[in-house]
């Protein structure tokens, strides 16, 4: 989420359906509506079917590679950021475990 915020929160199914501006991370619009991905074009992940060399242009990989984030991961990381911002963490073992994981991944 920290390293690739432009794609971290992007839903893979949505990216397969709509064109995104890779510079801003936002959906492309046409006449004020999301621009549907033209037929026979692939999203950055190369899905369906990865690129010929087996790599993906998307940092998350592809929808079946498992590099995406689950909704619970967003919630845990967001909770960590909120607690860190105010300097207070609940005295709870699970919160402490999650904070340790998050802290070890923050540069």
Protein backbone atom coordinates (compact mmCIF):
# COMPACT_ATOMS: atom_id res chain seq x y z
CA UNK A 1 0.00 0.00 0.00
CA UNK A 2 2.84 2.33 0.84
CA UNK A 3 5.07 1.45 -2.11
CA UNK A 4 2.38 1.32 -4.80
CA UNK A 5 -0.61 3.39 -3.62
CA UNK A 6 -1.87 3.95 -7.18
CA UNK A 7 -2.73 0.27 -7.55
CA UNK A 8 -2.95 -0.96 -3.96
CA UNK A 9 -6.58 0.03 -3.53
CA UNK A 10 -7.57 -0.76 -7.11
CA UNK A 11 -9.89 -3.72 -7.43
CA UNK A 12 -8.52 -6.16 -10.01
CA UNK A 13 -11.95 -6.84 -11.52
CA UNK A 14 -12.53 -3.12 -11.90
CA UNK A 15 -9.14 -2.71 -13.59
CA UNK A 16 -10.00 -5.51 -16.01
CA UNK A 17 -13.24 -3.74 -16.90
CA UNK A 18 -12.10 -0.08 -17.01
CA UNK A 19 -9.05 1.82 -18.26
CA UNK A 20 -6.93 3.52 -15.60
CA UNK A 21 -4.47 6.38 -15.90
CA UNK A 22 -1.29 4.74 -14.62
CA UNK A 23 0.25 8.13 -13.75
CA UNK A 24 -2.56 9.18 -11.39
CA UNK A 25 -4.00 5.79 -10.48
CA UNK A 26 -7.51 7.08 -11.30
CA UNK A 27 -10.02 5.66 -13.75
CA UNK A 28 -10.00 7.24 -17.18
CA UNK A 29 -13.22 9.08 -17.95
CA UNK A 30 -14.96 9.60 -21.25
CA UNK A 31 -17.87 12.01 -21.31
CA UNK A 32 -17.86 11.95 -17.52
CA UNK A 33 -18.23 8.17 -17.23
CA UNK A 34 -15.62 5.47 -16.59
CA UNK A 35 -14.00 4.43 -19.86
CA UNK A 36 -14.52 0.70 -20.46
CA UNK A 37 -11.47 -1.24 -21.50
CA UNK A 38 -11.66 -1.90 -25.25
CA UNK A 39 -12.11 -5.51 -26.31
CA UNK A 40 -8.90 -7.38 -27.04
CA UNK A 41 -6.85 -5.13 -24.73
CA UNK A 42 -5.31 -6.30 -21.49
CA UNK A 43 -4.92 -4.46 -18.19
CA UNK A 44 -1.36 -3.79 -16.89
CA UNK A 45 -1.21 -7.19 -15.21
CA UNK A 46 -1.49 -8.92 -18.58
CA UNK A 47 -4.47 -10.92 -17.34
CA UNK A 48 -5.99 -13.04 -18.87
CA UNK A 49 -2.74 -14.69 -19.64
CA UNK A 50 0.39 -13.03 -18.29
CA UNK A 51 2.91 -11.36 -20.52
CA UNK A 52 5.05 -13.65 -22.61
CA UNK A 53 8.02 -13.55 -20.22
CA UNK A 54 5.81 -14.51 -17.25
CA UNK A 55 6.00 -11.10 -15.59
CA UNK A 56 3.38 -8.49 -14.94
CA UNK A 57 3.55 -4.71 -15.33
CA UNK A 58 1.34 -4.38 -12.23
CA UNK A 59 3.12 -4.45 -8.83
CA UNK A 60 0.26 -6.54 -7.45
CA UNK A 61 0.85 -9.23 -10.06
CA UNK A 62 -2.42 -10.50 -11.47
CA UNK A 63 -5.77 -11.44 -9.90
CA UNK A 64 -4.70 -15.02 -9.29
CA UNK A 65 -1.10 -14.37 -8.18
CA UNK A 66 -2.11 -13.54 -4.62
CA UNK A 67 -0.14 -10.29 -4.35
CA UNK A 68 -3.22 -8.16 -3.76
CA UNK A 69 -4.52 -7.10 -0.37
CA UNK A 70 -7.54 -8.47 1.42
CA UNK A 71 -10.02 -6.02 2.91
CA UNK A 72 -8.89 -6.98 6.40
CA UNK A 73 -5.33 -5.93 5.48
CA UNK A 74 -6.57 -2.45 4.58
CA UNK A 75 -8.41 -2.18 7.88
CA UNK A 76 -5.44 -3.39 9.94
CA UNK A 77 -3.02 -1.01 8.20
CA UNK A 78 -5.44 1.92 8.45
CA UNK A 79 -5.90 1.20 12.18
CA UNK A 80 -2.11 1.15 12.62
CA UNK A 81 -1.75 4.51 10.83
CA UNK A 82 -4.48 6.08 12.99
CA UNK A 83 -2.93 4.84 16.23
CA UNK A 84 0.55 5.87 15.11
CA UNK A 85 -0.69 9.35 14.15
CA UNK A 86 -1.97 10.07 17.66
CA UNK A 87 0.69 8.04 19.47
CA UNK A 88 -1.80 5.76 21.24
CA UNK A 89 -2.36 2.05 20.73
CA UNK A 90 -4.96 -0.02 22.62
CA UNK A 91 -3.44 -2.43 25.16
CA UNK A 92 -4.37 -5.53 23.21
CA UNK A 93 -2.21 -8.48 22.09
CA UNK A 94 -3.70 -8.66 18.59
CA UNK A 95 -3.25 -4.92 18.06
CA UNK A 96 0.35 -5.23 19.27
CA UNK A 97 0.99 -8.12 16.86
CA UNK A 98 -0.50 -6.22 13.93
CA UNK A 99 1.45 -3.08 14.84
CA UNK A 100 4.68 -5.07 14.88
CA UNK A 101 3.96 -6.44 11.41
CA UNK A 102 3.02 -3.00 10.08
CA UNK A 103 6.00 -1.30 11.73
CA UNK A 104 8.43 -3.82 10.27
CA UNK A 105 7.14 -2.98 6.79
CA UNK A 106 7.27 0.81 7.21
CA UNK A 107 10.49 2.46 6.10
